[in-house]
Full PDB file with SEQRES, HELIX, SHEET, SSBOND, CRYST1, ORIGX, SCALE, CONECT and MASTER records, all heavy atoms in Angstrom:
SEQRES   1 A   43  LEU VAL ILE HIS SER PHE LEU GLU GLY SER ILE LEU VAL          
SEQRES   2 A   43  PRO THR PRO ALA THR GLY GLU VAL SER GLU SER PHE TYR          
SEQRES   3 A   43  ALA ILE LEU ALA GLY ILE ALA LEU HIS HIS ILE PRO ALA          
SEQRES   4 A   43  ALA PHE ALA LEU                                              
HELIX    1 AA1 VAL A    2  SER A   10  1                                   9    
HELIX    2 AA2 PRO A   16  THR A   18  5                                   3    
HELIX    3 AA3 GLU A   20  GLU A   23  1                                   4    
HELIX    4 AA4 PHE A   25  ALA A   42  1                                  18    
CRYST1    1.000    1.000    1.000  90.00  90.00  90.00 P 1           1          
ORIGX1      1.000000  0.000000  0.000000        0.00000                         
ORIGX2      0.000000  1.000000  0.000000        0.00000                         
ORIGX3      0.000000  0.000000  1.000000        0.00000                         
SCALE1      1.000000  0.000000  0.000000        0.00000                         
SCALE2      0.000000  1.000000  0.000000        0.00000                         
SCALE3      0.000000  0.000000  1.000000        0.00000                         
ATOM      1  N   LEU A   1     -86.839-158.018 159.966  1.00  0.00           N  
ATOM      2  CA  LEU A   1     -86.649-159.200 159.033  1.00  0.00           C  
ATOM      3  C   LEU A   1     -87.802-159.172 157.960  1.00  0.00           C  
ATOM      4  O   LEU A   1     -87.478-159.520 156.762  1.00  0.00           O  
ATOM      5  CB  LEU A   1     -86.750-160.430 159.783  1.00  0.00           C  
ATOM      6  CG  LEU A   1     -85.444-160.925 160.531  1.00  0.00           C  
ATOM      7  CD1 LEU A   1     -85.711-162.213 161.208  1.00  0.00           C  
ATOM      8  CD2 LEU A   1     -84.264-161.001 159.594  1.00  0.00           C  
ATOM      9  N   VAL A   2     -89.006-158.778 158.283  1.00  0.00           N  
ATOM     10  CA  VAL A   2     -90.140-158.747 157.386  1.00  0.00           C  
ATOM     11  C   VAL A   2     -89.792-157.657 156.325  1.00  0.00           C  
ATOM     12  O   VAL A   2     -90.065-157.907 155.064  1.00  0.00           O  
ATOM     13  CB  VAL A   2     -91.452-158.485 158.075  1.00  0.00           C  
ATOM     14  CG1 VAL A   2     -92.511-158.126 157.050  1.00  0.00           C  
ATOM     15  CG2 VAL A   2     -91.880-159.723 158.831  1.00  0.00           C  
ATOM     16  N   ILE A   3     -89.379-156.515 156.644  1.00  0.00           N  
ATOM     17  CA  ILE A   3     -89.032-155.366 155.716  1.00  0.00           C  
ATOM     18  C   ILE A   3     -87.934-155.901 154.752  1.00  0.00           C  
ATOM     19  O   ILE A   3     -88.011-155.746 153.549  1.00  0.00           O  
ATOM     20  CB  ILE A   3     -88.600-154.158 156.468  1.00  0.00           C  
ATOM     21  CG1 ILE A   3     -89.772-153.614 157.278  1.00  0.00           C  
ATOM     22  CG2 ILE A   3     -88.054-153.158 155.481  1.00  0.00           C  
ATOM     23  CD1 ILE A   3     -90.905-153.133 156.509  1.00  0.00           C  
ATOM     24  N   HIS A   4     -86.844-156.520 155.332  1.00  0.00           N  
ATOM     25  CA  HIS A   4     -85.736-157.002 154.542  1.00  0.00           C  
ATOM     26  C   HIS A   4     -86.228-158.025 153.554  1.00  0.00           C  
ATOM     27  O   HIS A   4     -85.787-158.011 152.364  1.00  0.00           O  
ATOM     28  CB  HIS A   4     -84.727-157.610 155.604  1.00  0.00           C  
ATOM     29  CG  HIS A   4     -83.696-158.339 154.974  1.00  0.00           C  
ATOM     30  ND1 HIS A   4     -82.439-157.842 154.487  1.00  0.00           N  
ATOM     31  CD2 HIS A   4     -83.448-159.636 154.669  1.00  0.00           C  
ATOM     32  CE1 HIS A   4     -81.744-158.655 153.997  1.00  0.00           C  
ATOM     33  NE2 HIS A   4     -82.279-159.898 154.136  1.00  0.00           N  
ATOM     34  N   SER A   5     -87.015-158.973 153.960  1.00  0.00           N  
ATOM     35  CA  SER A   5     -87.514-160.002 153.143  1.00  0.00           C  
ATOM     36  C   SER A   5     -88.462-159.582 152.072  1.00  0.00           C  
ATOM     37  O   SER A   5     -88.410-160.084 150.937  1.00  0.00           O  
ATOM     38  CB  SER A   5     -88.211-161.179 153.986  1.00  0.00           C  
ATOM     39  OG  SER A   5     -88.417-162.299 153.290  1.00  0.00           O  
ATOM     40  N   PHE A   6     -89.361-158.640 152.418  1.00  0.00           N  
ATOM     41  CA  PHE A   6     -90.357-158.079 151.464  1.00  0.00           C  
ATOM     42  C   PHE A   6     -89.545-157.428 150.330  1.00  0.00           C  
ATOM     43  O   PHE A   6     -89.943-157.562 149.168  1.00  0.00           O  
ATOM     44  CB  PHE A   6     -91.244-157.107 152.181  1.00  0.00           C  
ATOM     45  CG  PHE A   6     -92.309-156.539 151.310  1.00  0.00           C  
ATOM     46  CD1 PHE A   6     -93.578-157.092 151.163  1.00  0.00           C  
ATOM     47  CD2 PHE A   6     -92.044-155.356 150.655  1.00  0.00           C  
ATOM     48  CE1 PHE A   6     -94.539-156.503 150.284  1.00  0.00           C  
ATOM     49  CE2 PHE A   6     -93.017-154.700 149.846  1.00  0.00           C  
ATOM     50  CZ  PHE A   6     -94.263-155.311 149.635  1.00  0.00           C  
ATOM     51  N   LEU A   7     -88.534-156.667 150.622  1.00  0.00           N  
ATOM     52  CA  LEU A   7     -87.878-155.961 149.646  1.00  0.00           C  
ATOM     53  C   LEU A   7     -87.154-156.951 148.687  1.00  0.00           C  
ATOM     54  O   LEU A   7     -87.142-156.748 147.438  1.00  0.00           O  
ATOM     55  CB  LEU A   7     -86.820-155.039 150.259  1.00  0.00           C  
ATOM     56  CG  LEU A   7     -87.358-153.713 150.894  1.00  0.00           C  
ATOM     57  CD1 LEU A   7     -86.279-152.964 151.663  1.00  0.00           C  
ATOM     58  CD2 LEU A   7     -87.956-152.817 149.828  1.00  0.00           C  
ATOM     59  N   GLU A   8     -86.613-158.005 149.261  1.00  0.00           N  
ATOM     60  CA  GLU A   8     -85.943-158.993 148.450  1.00  0.00           C  
ATOM     61  C   GLU A   8     -86.882-159.659 147.411  1.00  0.00           C  
ATOM     62  O   GLU A   8     -86.599-159.844 146.217  1.00  0.00           O  
ATOM     63  CB  GLU A   8     -85.353-160.054 149.309  1.00  0.00           C  
ATOM     64  CG  GLU A   8     -84.141-159.638 150.130  1.00  0.00           C  
ATOM     65  CD  GLU A   8     -83.603-160.817 150.980  1.00  0.00           C  
ATOM     66  OE1 GLU A   8     -84.361-161.672 151.401  1.00  0.00           O  
ATOM     67  OE2 GLU A   8     -82.420-160.705 151.356  1.00  0.00           O  
ATOM     68  N   GLY A   9     -88.131-160.037 147.936  1.00  0.00           N  
ATOM     69  CA  GLY A   9     -89.088-160.547 146.986  1.00  0.00           C  
ATOM     70  C   GLY A   9     -89.555-159.634 145.933  1.00  0.00           C  
ATOM     71  O   GLY A   9     -89.940-159.977 144.903  1.00  0.00           O  
ATOM     72  N   SER A  10     -89.586-158.318 146.264  1.00  0.00           N  
ATOM     73  CA  SER A  10     -90.179-157.366 145.357  1.00  0.00           C  
ATOM     74  C   SER A  10     -89.484-157.149 144.072  1.00  0.00           C  
ATOM     75  O   SER A  10     -89.976-156.635 143.093  1.00  0.00           O  
ATOM     76  CB  SER A  10     -90.255-156.038 146.180  1.00  0.00           C  
ATOM     77  OG  SER A  10     -89.049-155.395 146.371  1.00  0.00           O  
ATOM     78  N   ILE A  11     -88.157-157.582 143.938  1.00  0.00           N  
ATOM     79  CA  ILE A  11     -87.417-157.377 142.728  1.00  0.00           C  
ATOM     80  C   ILE A  11     -87.670-158.552 141.765  1.00  0.00           C  
ATOM     81  O   ILE A  11     -87.262-158.522 140.562  1.00  0.00           O  
ATOM     82  CB  ILE A  11     -85.920-157.264 142.911  1.00  0.00           C  
ATOM     83  CG1 ILE A  11     -85.309-158.558 143.479  1.00  0.00           C  
ATOM     84  CG2 ILE A  11     -85.572-156.098 143.806  1.00  0.00           C  
ATOM     85  CD1 ILE A  11     -83.834-158.601 143.504  1.00  0.00           C  
ATOM     86  N   LEU A  12     -88.376-159.597 142.272  1.00  0.00           N  
ATOM     87  CA  LEU A  12     -88.596-160.834 141.390  1.00  0.00           C  
ATOM     88  C   LEU A  12     -89.796-160.544 140.460  1.00  0.00           C  
ATOM     89  O   LEU A  12     -90.907-161.071 140.653  1.00  0.00           O  
ATOM     90  CB  LEU A  12     -88.847-162.044 142.222  1.00  0.00           C  
ATOM     91  CG  LEU A  12     -87.551-162.484 143.067  1.00  0.00           C  
ATOM     92  CD1 LEU A  12     -87.986-163.624 144.074  1.00  0.00           C  
ATOM     93  CD2 LEU A  12     -86.466-162.945 142.194  1.00  0.00           C  
ATOM     94  N   VAL A  13     -89.469-159.838 139.399  1.00  0.00           N  
ATOM     95  CA  VAL A  13     -90.498-159.581 138.304  1.00  0.00           C  
ATOM     96  C   VAL A  13     -89.995-160.124 137.048  1.00  0.00           C  
ATOM     97  O   VAL A  13     -89.292-159.579 136.335  1.00  0.00           O  
ATOM     98  CB  VAL A  13     -90.663-157.989 138.336  1.00  0.00           C  
ATOM     99  CG1 VAL A  13     -91.763-157.704 137.242  1.00  0.00           C  
ATOM    100  CG2 VAL A  13     -91.009-157.458 139.587  1.00  0.00           C  
ATOM    101  N   PRO A  14     -90.662-161.261 136.621  1.00  0.00           N  
ATOM    102  CA  PRO A  14     -90.180-161.991 135.501  1.00  0.00           C  
ATOM    103  C   PRO A  14     -90.816-161.455 134.119  1.00  0.00           C  
ATOM    104  O   PRO A  14     -91.638-162.232 133.481  1.00  0.00           O  
ATOM    105  CB  PRO A  14     -90.519-163.435 135.692  1.00  0.00           C  
ATOM    106  CG  PRO A  14     -91.776-163.337 136.552  1.00  0.00           C  
ATOM    107  CD  PRO A  14     -91.628-162.130 137.374  1.00  0.00           C  
ATOM    108  N   THR A  15     -90.596-160.179 133.743  1.00  0.00           N  
ATOM    109  CA  THR A  15     -91.082-159.608 132.525  1.00  0.00           C  
ATOM    110  C   THR A  15     -89.924-159.095 131.672  1.00  0.00           C  
ATOM    111  O   THR A  15     -88.931-158.821 132.269  1.00  0.00           O  
ATOM    112  CB  THR A  15     -92.108-158.508 132.781  1.00  0.00           C  
ATOM    113  OG1 THR A  15     -91.323-157.467 133.335  1.00  0.00           O  
ATOM    114  CG2 THR A  15     -93.147-158.952 133.705  1.00  0.00           C  
ATOM    115  N   PRO A  16     -90.040-159.023 130.385  1.00  0.00           N  
ATOM    116  CA  PRO A  16     -88.898-158.566 129.595  1.00  0.00           C  
ATOM    117  C   PRO A  16     -88.399-157.145 129.955  1.00  0.00           C  
ATOM    118  O   PRO A  16     -87.264-156.845 129.759  1.00  0.00           O  
ATOM    119  CB  PRO A  16     -89.551-158.584 128.131  1.00  0.00           C  
ATOM    120  CG  PRO A  16     -90.519-159.575 128.124  1.00  0.00           C  
ATOM    121  CD  PRO A  16     -91.159-159.569 129.591  1.00  0.00           C  
ATOM    122  N   ALA A  17     -89.342-156.395 130.544  1.00  0.00           N  
ATOM    123  CA  ALA A  17     -88.906-155.083 130.897  1.00  0.00           C  
ATOM    124  C   ALA A  17     -87.911-154.998 132.020  1.00  0.00           C  
ATOM    125  O   ALA A  17     -87.305-153.970 132.250  1.00  0.00           O  
ATOM    126  CB  ALA A  17     -90.199-154.247 131.320  1.00  0.00           C  
ATOM    127  N   THR A  18     -87.741-156.092 132.704  1.00  0.00           N  
ATOM    128  CA  THR A  18     -86.714-156.110 133.896  1.00  0.00           C  
ATOM    129  C   THR A  18     -85.410-156.708 133.487  1.00  0.00           C  
ATOM    130  O   THR A  18     -84.494-156.930 134.259  1.00  0.00           O  
ATOM    131  CB  THR A  18     -87.242-156.779 135.092  1.00  0.00           C  
ATOM    132  OG1 THR A  18     -87.550-158.251 134.662  1.00  0.00           O  
ATOM    133  CG2 THR A  18     -88.592-156.196 135.623  1.00  0.00           C  
ATOM    134  N   GLY A  19     -85.282-156.934 132.138  1.00  0.00           N  
ATOM    135  CA  GLY A  19     -83.931-157.284 131.638  1.00  0.00           C  
ATOM    136  C   GLY A  19     -83.199-158.561 132.314  1.00  0.00           C  
ATOM    137  O   GLY A  19     -83.789-159.640 132.319  1.00  0.00           O  
ATOM    138  N   GLU A  20     -82.070-158.287 132.871  1.00  0.00           N  
ATOM    139  CA  GLU A  20     -81.252-159.316 133.439  1.00  0.00           C  
ATOM    140  C   GLU A  20     -82.027-160.108 134.613  1.00  0.00           C  
ATOM    141  O   GLU A  20     -81.772-161.317 134.773  1.00  0.00           O  
ATOM    142  CB  GLU A  20     -80.015-158.767 134.061  1.00  0.00           C  
ATOM    143  CG  GLU A  20     -78.932-158.434 133.028  1.00  0.00           C  
ATOM    144  CD  GLU A  20     -78.073-159.638 132.600  1.00  0.00           C  
ATOM    145  OE1 GLU A  20     -78.280-160.744 133.214  1.00  0.00           O  
ATOM    146  OE2 GLU A  20     -77.330-159.458 131.630  1.00  0.00           O  
ATOM    147  N   VAL A  21     -82.811-159.374 135.311  1.00  0.00           N  
ATOM    148  CA  VAL A  21     -83.556-160.036 136.478  1.00  0.00           C  
ATOM    149  C   VAL A  21     -84.561-161.033 135.867  1.00  0.00           C  
ATOM    150  O   VAL A  21     -84.645-162.164 136.426  1.00  0.00           O  
ATOM    151  CB  VAL A  21     -84.456-158.939 137.209  1.00  0.00           C  
ATOM    152  CG1 VAL A  21     -85.264-159.634 138.266  1.00  0.00           C  
ATOM    153  CG2 VAL A  21     -83.499-157.956 137.849  1.00  0.00           C  
ATOM    154  N   SER A  22     -85.161-160.744 134.736  1.00  0.00           N  
ATOM    155  CA  SER A  22     -86.074-161.670 134.059  1.00  0.00           C  
ATOM    156  C   SER A  22     -85.277-162.911 133.485  1.00  0.00           C  
ATOM    157  O   SER A  22     -85.637-164.115 133.675  1.00  0.00           O  
ATOM    158  CB  SER A  22     -86.892-161.041 132.960  1.00  0.00           C  
ATOM    159  OG  SER A  22     -87.675-161.942 132.349  1.00  0.00           O  
ATOM    160  N   GLU A  23     -84.207-162.614 132.882  1.00  0.00           N  
ATOM    161  CA  GLU A  23     -83.391-163.625 132.247  1.00  0.00           C  
ATOM    162  C   GLU A  23     -82.684-164.520 133.284  1.00  0.00           C  
ATOM    163  O   GLU A  23     -82.532-165.745 132.980  1.00  0.00           O  
ATOM    164  CB  GLU A  23     -82.192-162.986 131.325  1.00  0.00           C  
ATOM    165  CG  GLU A  23     -82.883-162.232 130.172  1.00  0.00           C  
ATOM    166  CD  GLU A  23     -81.812-161.491 129.373  1.00  0.00           C  
ATOM    167  OE1 GLU A  23     -80.570-161.723 129.759  1.00  0.00           O  
ATOM    168  OE2 GLU A  23     -82.094-160.632 128.585  1.00  0.00           O  
ATOM    169  N   SER A  24     -82.381-163.952 134.418  1.00  0.00           N  
ATOM    170  CA  SER A  24     -81.737-164.781 135.530  1.00  0.00           C  
ATOM    171  C   SER A  24     -82.630-164.918 136.590  1.00  0.00           C  
ATOM    172  O   SER A  24     -82.205-165.058 137.862  1.00  0.00           O  
ATOM    173  CB  SER A  24     -80.415-164.085 135.988  1.00  0.00           C  
ATOM    174  OG  SER A  24     -79.597-163.837 134.926  1.00  0.00           O  
ATOM    175  N   PHE A  25     -83.976-164.969 136.353  1.00  0.00           N  
ATOM    176  CA  PHE A  25     -84.975-165.014 137.422  1.00  0.00           C  
ATOM    177  C   PHE A  25     -84.653-166.151 138.495  1.00  0.00           C  
ATOM    178  O   PHE A  25     -84.686-165.948 139.624  1.00  0.00           O  
ATOM    179  CB  PHE A  25     -86.364-165.192 136.845  1.00  0.00           C  
ATOM    180  CG  PHE A  25     -87.481-165.226 137.908  1.00  0.00           C  
ATOM    181  CD1 PHE A  25     -88.003-164.034 138.384  1.00  0.00           C  
ATOM    182  CD2 PHE A  25     -88.029-166.382 138.258  1.00  0.00           C  
ATOM    183  CE1 PHE A  25     -89.005-164.063 139.215  1.00  0.00           C  
ATOM    184  CE2 PHE A  25     -89.096-166.416 139.150  1.00  0.00           C  
ATOM    185  CZ  PHE A  25     -89.583-165.231 139.656  1.00  0.00           C  
ATOM    186  N   TYR A  26     -84.536-167.418 137.993  1.00  0.00           N  
ATOM    187  CA  TYR A  26     -84.390-168.519 138.910  1.00  0.00           C  
ATOM    188  C   TYR A  26     -83.070-168.547 139.630  1.00  0.00           C  
ATOM    189  O   TYR A  26     -82.976-168.996 140.822  1.00  0.00           O  
ATOM    190  CB  TYR A  26     -84.602-169.813 138.099  1.00  0.00           C  
ATOM    191  CG  TYR A  26     -85.970-169.975 137.688  1.00  0.00           C  
ATOM    192  CD1 TYR A  26     -86.355-169.747 136.375  1.00  0.00           C  
ATOM    193  CD2 TYR A  26     -87.026-170.286 138.517  1.00  0.00           C  
ATOM    194  CE1 TYR A  26     -87.669-169.911 135.893  1.00  0.00           C  
ATOM    195  CE2 TYR A  26     -88.334-170.387 138.143  1.00  0.00           C  
ATOM    196  CZ  TYR A  26     -88.676-170.272 136.790  1.00  0.00           C  
ATOM    197  OH  TYR A  26     -89.960-170.286 136.370  1.00  0.00           O  
ATOM    198  N   ALA A  27     -81.994-167.942 139.088  1.00  0.00           N  
ATOM    199  CA  ALA A  27     -80.726-167.780 139.733  1.00  0.00           C  
ATOM    200  C   ALA A  27     -80.825-166.882 140.874  1.00  0.00           C  
ATOM    201  O   ALA A  27     -80.283-167.148 141.955  1.00  0.00           O  
ATOM    202  CB  ALA A  27     -79.675-167.352 138.723  1.00  0.00           C  
ATOM    203  N   ILE A  28     -81.550-165.661 140.651  1.00  0.00           N  
ATOM    204  CA  ILE A  28     -81.738-164.700 141.751  1.00  0.00           C  
ATOM    205  C   ILE A  28     -82.650-165.333 142.844  1.00  0.00           C  
ATOM    206  O   ILE A  28     -82.425-165.205 144.018  1.00  0.00           O  
ATOM    207  CB  ILE A  28     -82.224-163.457 141.179  1.00  0.00           C  
ATOM    208  CG1 ILE A  28     -81.258-162.858 140.197  1.00  0.00           C  
ATOM    209  CG2 ILE A  28     -82.571-162.452 142.245  1.00  0.00           C  
ATOM    210  CD1 ILE A  28     -81.799-161.655 139.347  1.00  0.00           C  
ATOM    211  N   LEU A  29     -83.653-166.018 142.402  1.00  0.00           N  
ATOM    212  CA  LEU A  29     -84.654-166.662 143.300  1.00  0.00           C  
ATOM    213  C   LEU A  29     -83.879-167.631 144.226  1.00  0.00           C  
ATOM    214  O   LEU A  29     -84.039-167.632 145.406  1.00  0.00           O  
ATOM    215  CB  LEU A  29     -85.716-167.365 142.557  1.00  0.00           C  
ATOM    216  CG  LEU A  29     -86.654-168.277 143.354  1.00  0.00           C  
ATOM    217  CD1 LEU A  29     -87.412-167.445 144.374  1.00  0.00           C  
ATOM    218  CD2 LEU A  29     -87.625-169.003 142.457  1.00  0.00           C  
ATOM    219  N   ALA A  30     -82.959-168.455 143.613  1.00  0.00           N  
ATOM    220  CA  ALA A  30     -82.222-169.325 144.381  1.00  0.00           C  
ATOM    221  C   ALA A  30     -81.325-168.735 145.404  1.00  0.00           C  
ATOM    222  O   ALA A  30     -81.179-169.177 146.545  1.00  0.00           O  
ATOM    223  CB  ALA A  30     -81.427-170.221 143.467  1.00  0.00           C  
ATOM    224  N   GLY A  31     -80.737-167.576 145.081  1.00  0.00           N  
ATOM    225  CA  GLY A  31     -79.838-166.769 146.031  1.00  0.00           C  
ATOM    226  C   GLY A  31     -80.665-166.353 147.212  1.00  0.00           C  
ATOM    227  O   GLY A  31     -80.186-166.416 148.366  1.00  0.00           O  
ATOM    228  N   ILE A  32     -81.848-165.816 146.926  1.00  0.00           N  
ATOM    229  CA  ILE A  32     -82.638-165.326 148.004  1.00  0.00           C  
ATOM    230  C   ILE A  32     -83.161-166.467 148.912  1.00  0.00           C  
ATOM    231  O   ILE A  32     -83.070-166.367 150.215  1.00  0.00           O  
ATOM    232  CB  ILE A  32     -83.899-164.554 147.495  1.00  0.00           C  
ATOM    233  CG1 ILE A  32     -83.454-163.282 146.756  1.00  0.00           C  
ATOM    234  CG2 ILE A  32     -84.858-164.147 148.575  1.00  0.00           C  
ATOM    235  CD1 ILE A  32     -84.573-162.558 145.997  1.00  0.00           C  
ATOM    236  N   ALA A  33     -83.562-167.586 148.296  1.00  0.00           N  
ATOM    237  CA  ALA A  33     -84.065-168.757 149.028  1.00  0.00           C  
ATOM    238  C   ALA A  33     -82.872-169.305 149.847  1.00  0.00           C  
ATOM    239  O   ALA A  33     -83.093-169.656 151.091  1.00  0.00           O  
ATOM    240  CB  ALA A  33     -84.505-169.847 148.202  1.00  0.00           C  
ATOM    241  N   LEU A  34     -81.689-169.464 149.360  1.00  0.00           N  
ATOM    242  CA  LEU A  34     -80.535-169.836 150.105  1.00  0.00           C  
ATOM    243  C   LEU A  34     -80.222-168.998 151.350  1.00  0.00           C  
ATOM    244  O   LEU A  34     -79.921-169.464 152.406  1.00  0.00           O  
ATOM    245  CB  LEU A  34     -79.327-169.972 149.283  1.00  0.00           C  
ATOM    246  CG  LEU A  34     -79.155-171.206 148.346  1.00  0.00           C  
ATOM    247  CD1 LEU A  34     -78.027-170.944 147.383  1.00  0.00           C  
ATOM    248  CD2 LEU A  34     -78.951-172.399 149.210  1.00  0.00           C  
ATOM    249  N   HIS A  35     -80.257-167.738 151.110  1.00  0.00           N  
ATOM    250  CA  HIS A  35     -80.096-166.704 152.132  1.00  0.00           C  
ATOM    251  C   HIS A  35     -81.052-166.790 153.217  1.00  0.00           C  
ATOM    252  O   HIS A  35     -80.710-166.581 154.422  1.00  0.00           O  
ATOM    253  CB  HIS A  35     -80.038-165.345 151.482  1.00  0.00           C  
ATOM    254  CG  HIS A  35     -80.213-164.163 152.427  1.00  0.00           C  
ATOM    255  ND1 HIS A  35     -79.343-163.997 153.521  1.00  0.00           N  
ATOM    256  CD2 HIS A  35     -81.059-163.127 152.458  1.00  0.00           C  
ATOM    257  CE1 HIS A  35     -79.614-162.859 154.177  1.00  0.00           C  
ATOM    258  NE2 HIS A  35     -80.734-162.405 153.536  1.00  0.00           N  
ATOM    259  N   HIS A  36     -82.294-167.242 152.960  1.00  0.00           N  
ATOM    260  CA  HIS A  36     -83.316-167.338 154.035  1.00  0.00           C  
ATOM    261  C   HIS A  36     -83.231-168.502 154.881  1.00  0.00           C  
ATOM    262  O   HIS A  36     -83.833-168.536 155.982  1.00  0.00           O  
ATOM    263  CB  HIS A  36     -84.733-167.332 153.254  1.00  0.00           C  
ATOM    264  CG  HIS A  36     -85.151-166.057 152.864  1.00  0.00           C  
ATOM    265  ND1 HIS A  36     -86.394-165.766 152.210  1.00  0.00           N  
ATOM    266  CD2 HIS A  36     -84.514-164.797 152.944  1.00  0.00           C  
ATOM    267  CE1 HIS A  36     -86.495-164.548 151.949  1.00  0.00           C  
ATOM    268  NE2 HIS A  36     -85.387-163.917 152.296  1.00  0.00           N  
ATOM    269  N   ILE A  37     -82.412-169.523 154.470  1.00  0.00           N  
ATOM    270  CA  ILE A  37     -82.316-170.769 155.324  1.00  0.00           C  
ATOM    271  C   ILE A  37     -81.638-170.449 156.704  1.00  0.00           C  
ATOM    272  O   ILE A  37     -82.227-170.672 157.711  1.00  0.00           O  
ATOM    273  CB  ILE A  37     -81.585-171.877 154.535  1.00  0.00           C  
ATOM    274  CG1 ILE A  37     -82.414-172.338 153.308  1.00  0.00           C  
ATOM    275  CG2 ILE A  37     -81.285-173.034 155.494  1.00  0.00           C  
ATOM    276  CD1 ILE A  37     -81.596-173.322 152.437  1.00  0.00           C  
ATOM    277  N   PRO A  38     -80.436-169.868 156.706  1.00  0.00           N  
ATOM    278  CA  PRO A  38     -79.837-169.528 158.078  1.00  0.00           C  
ATOM    279  C   PRO A  38     -80.626-168.466 158.783  1.00  0.00           C  
ATOM    280  O   PRO A  38     -80.808-168.542 160.010  1.00  0.00           O  
ATOM    281  CB  PRO A  38     -78.479-169.152 157.733  1.00  0.00           C  
ATOM    282  CG  PRO A  38     -78.460-168.804 156.285  1.00  0.00           C  
ATOM    283  CD  PRO A  38     -79.464-169.600 155.636  1.00  0.00           C  
ATOM    284  N   ALA A  39     -81.260-167.609 158.037  1.00  0.00           N  
ATOM    285  CA  ALA A  39     -81.973-166.537 158.723  1.00  0.00           C  
ATOM    286  C   ALA A  39     -83.263-167.091 159.443  1.00  0.00           C  
ATOM    287  O   ALA A  39     -83.532-166.692 160.597  1.00  0.00           O  
ATOM    288  CB  ALA A  39     -82.430-165.490 157.711  1.00  0.00           C  
ATOM    289  N   ALA A  40     -83.904-167.998 158.830  1.00  0.00           N  
ATOM    290  CA  ALA A  40     -85.160-168.570 159.330  1.00  0.00           C  
ATOM    291  C   ALA A  40     -84.742-169.473 160.573  1.00  0.00           C  
ATOM    292  O   ALA A  40     -85.451-169.520 161.623  1.00  0.00           O  
ATOM    293  CB  ALA A  40     -85.917-169.437 158.329  1.00  0.00           C  
ATOM    294  N   PHE A  41     -83.650-170.181 160.455  1.00  0.00           N  
ATOM    295  CA  PHE A  41     -83.254-171.111 161.532  1.00  0.00           C  
ATOM    296  C   PHE A  41     -82.822-170.191 162.676  1.00  0.00           C  
ATOM    297  O   PHE A  41     -83.257-170.459 163.827  1.00  0.00           O  
ATOM    298  CB  PHE A  41     -82.037-171.905 161.095  1.00  0.00           C  
ATOM    299  CG  PHE A  41     -81.572-172.847 162.100  1.00  0.00           C  
ATOM    300  CD1 PHE A  41     -82.137-174.168 162.215  1.00  0.00           C  
ATOM    301  CD2 PHE A  41     -80.606-172.550 163.089  1.00  0.00           C  
ATOM    302  CE1 PHE A  41     -81.598-175.083 163.144  1.00  0.00           C  
ATOM    303  CE2 PHE A  41     -80.123-173.446 164.037  1.00  0.00           C  
ATOM    304  CZ  PHE A  41     -80.694-174.719 164.084  1.00  0.00           C  
ATOM    305  N   ALA A  42     -82.109-169.098 162.523  1.00  0.00           N  
ATOM    306  CA  ALA A  42     -81.693-168.162 163.596  1.00  0.00           C  
ATOM    307  C   ALA A  42     -82.943-167.518 164.160  1.00  0.00           C  
ATOM    308  O   ALA A  42     -82.993-167.355 165.430  1.00  0.00           O  
ATOM    309  CB  ALA A  42     -80.687-167.164 163.152  1.00  0.00           C  
ATOM    310  N   LEU A  43     -83.876-167.159 163.393  1.00  0.00           N  
ATOM    311  CA  LEU A  43     -85.003-166.471 163.976  1.00  0.00           C  
ATOM    312  C   LEU A  43     -85.794-167.473 164.808  1.00  0.00           C  
ATOM    313  O   LEU A  43     -86.280-167.088 165.902  1.00  0.00           O  
ATOM    314  CB  LEU A  43     -86.045-166.053 162.719  1.00  0.00           C  
ATOM    315  CG  LEU A  43     -87.383-165.503 163.156  1.00  0.00           C  
ATOM    316  CD1 LEU A  43     -87.305-164.237 164.087  1.00  0.00           C  
ATOM    317  CD2 LEU A  43     -88.235-165.229 161.931  1.00  0.00           C  
TER     318      LEU A  43                                                      
MASTER        0    0    0    4    0    0    0    6  317    1    0    4          
END                                                                             
């Protein structure tokens, strides 16, 4: 779970060089956070 979660967080780089990730930073962040709710409960 730690490896899985670390990799998810590692793509959140809000700089112009990351293109769509930077432009949709909060949308991607929301997706990762939502995904962590059932995972944390189950853990």
